[in-house]
Amino acid sequence: MNLVPFPSMSLHPTLGRNMVAQKVGVSVRWLNAIFAKEESSLSAFIRDSRFQVIAEELLNFRLASLSISEITCKYGFENF
C-alpha cells in the first residue's frame, strides 16, 4: 500500500479513516484489514505519528517559547 501522502496527512487534527482511504486509493474496509493484519489499527498509527512529531517539537529549542498545550493542540490533543 502506498502511504506516501500519509506523513503530511497524519498531522491533520480531524484525520480519520475515510480521509486516509481516499488519499491512498483504497476502501476503508481494506485499510482496516491491512492494519489488523499487522495487529495494529489506523487510529494507533495516527496517534503514534502525532506523538512522534510532538516529541520532536518539544525537544526543538527554537520552539521553547511554546507551551506543551500550544504544541499538542496543533495536532488535535486539546487536553494536555
Protein backbone atom coordinates (compact mmCIF):
# COMPACT_ATOMS: atom_id res chain seq x y z
CA MET A 1 0.00 0.00 0.00
CA ASN A 2 1.27 3.45 -0.85
CA LEU A 3 1.17 5.66 2.25
CA VAL A 4 3.38 8.35 0.66
CA PRO A 5 0.79 11.11 1.19
CA PHE A 6 0.29 9.98 4.76
CA PRO A 7 3.05 11.90 6.58
CA SER A 8 1.53 15.27 5.75
CA MET A 9 -1.97 14.00 6.48
CA SER A 10 -1.05 12.39 9.80
CA LEU A 11 -0.86 15.77 11.47
CA HIS A 12 -4.30 16.97 10.44
CA PRO A 13 -6.37 17.27 13.67
CA THR A 14 -9.51 15.76 12.12
CA LEU A 15 -7.80 12.99 10.17
CA GLY A 16 -9.79 9.78 10.01
CA ARG A 17 -10.17 6.51 8.14
CA ASN A 18 -12.22 7.98 5.31
CA MET A 19 -9.66 10.68 4.54
CA VAL A 20 -6.73 8.24 4.59
CA ALA A 21 -8.53 5.63 2.49
CA GLN A 22 -9.45 8.26 -0.09
CA LYS A 23 -5.91 9.67 -0.26
CA VAL A 24 -4.24 6.28 -0.69
CA GLY A 25 -6.93 4.96 -3.03
CA VAL A 26 -8.36 2.04 -1.08
CA SER A 27 -11.59 1.30 0.74
CA VAL A 28 -11.92 1.88 4.48
CA ARG A 29 -12.53 -1.84 4.89
CA TRP A 30 -9.30 -2.70 3.08
CA LEU A 31 -7.36 -0.12 5.10
CA ASN A 32 -8.66 -1.60 8.36
CA ALA A 33 -7.76 -5.10 7.16
CA ILE A 34 -4.18 -4.05 6.39
CA PHE A 35 -3.69 -2.65 9.89
CA ALA A 36 -5.44 -5.64 11.51
CA LYS A 37 -3.02 -7.93 9.69
CA GLU A 38 -0.19 -6.08 11.44
CA GLU A 39 -2.06 -6.35 14.78
CA SER A 40 -2.50 -2.60 14.87
CA SER A 41 -5.06 0.00 13.91
CA LEU A 42 -5.11 3.14 11.85
CA SER A 43 -6.07 5.10 14.96
CA ALA A 44 -2.98 3.85 16.80
CA PHE A 45 -0.79 4.67 13.80
CA ILE A 46 -2.17 8.22 13.59
CA ARG A 47 -1.81 8.74 17.34
CA ASP A 48 1.75 7.44 17.37
CA SER A 49 2.68 9.59 14.35
CA ARG A 50 1.34 12.67 16.10
CA PHE A 51 3.14 11.81 19.34
CA GLN A 52 6.40 11.45 17.41
CA VAL A 53 6.07 14.92 15.89
CA ILE A 54 5.02 16.40 19.24
CA ALA A 55 8.09 14.86 20.91
CA GLU A 56 10.34 16.33 18.22
CA GLU A 57 8.80 19.76 18.68
CA LEU A 58 9.12 19.59 22.48
CA LEU A 59 12.84 18.91 22.05
CA ASN A 60 13.31 21.71 19.50
CA PHE A 61 14.97 24.65 21.24
CA ARG A 62 13.56 27.02 18.60
CA LEU A 63 10.08 26.25 19.92
CA ALA A 64 10.98 26.71 23.59
CA SER A 65 8.64 29.70 23.86
CA LEU A 66 5.61 27.48 23.14
CA SER A 67 3.79 25.70 25.95
CA ILE A 68 3.11 21.97 25.86
CA SER A 69 -0.58 22.76 25.32
CA GLU A 70 0.18 25.01 22.35
CA ILE A 71 2.22 22.27 20.69
CA THR A 72 -0.22 19.44 21.40
CA CYS A 73 -3.26 21.46 20.28
CA LYS A 74 -1.73 21.83 16.82
CA TYR A 75 -2.04 18.07 16.43
CA GLY A 76 -5.50 17.53 17.86
CA PHE A 77 -4.71 16.92 21.54
CA GLU A 78 -6.58 19.65 23.36
CA ASN A 79 -6.47 18.44 26.97
CA PHE A 80 -2.76 18.42 27.77
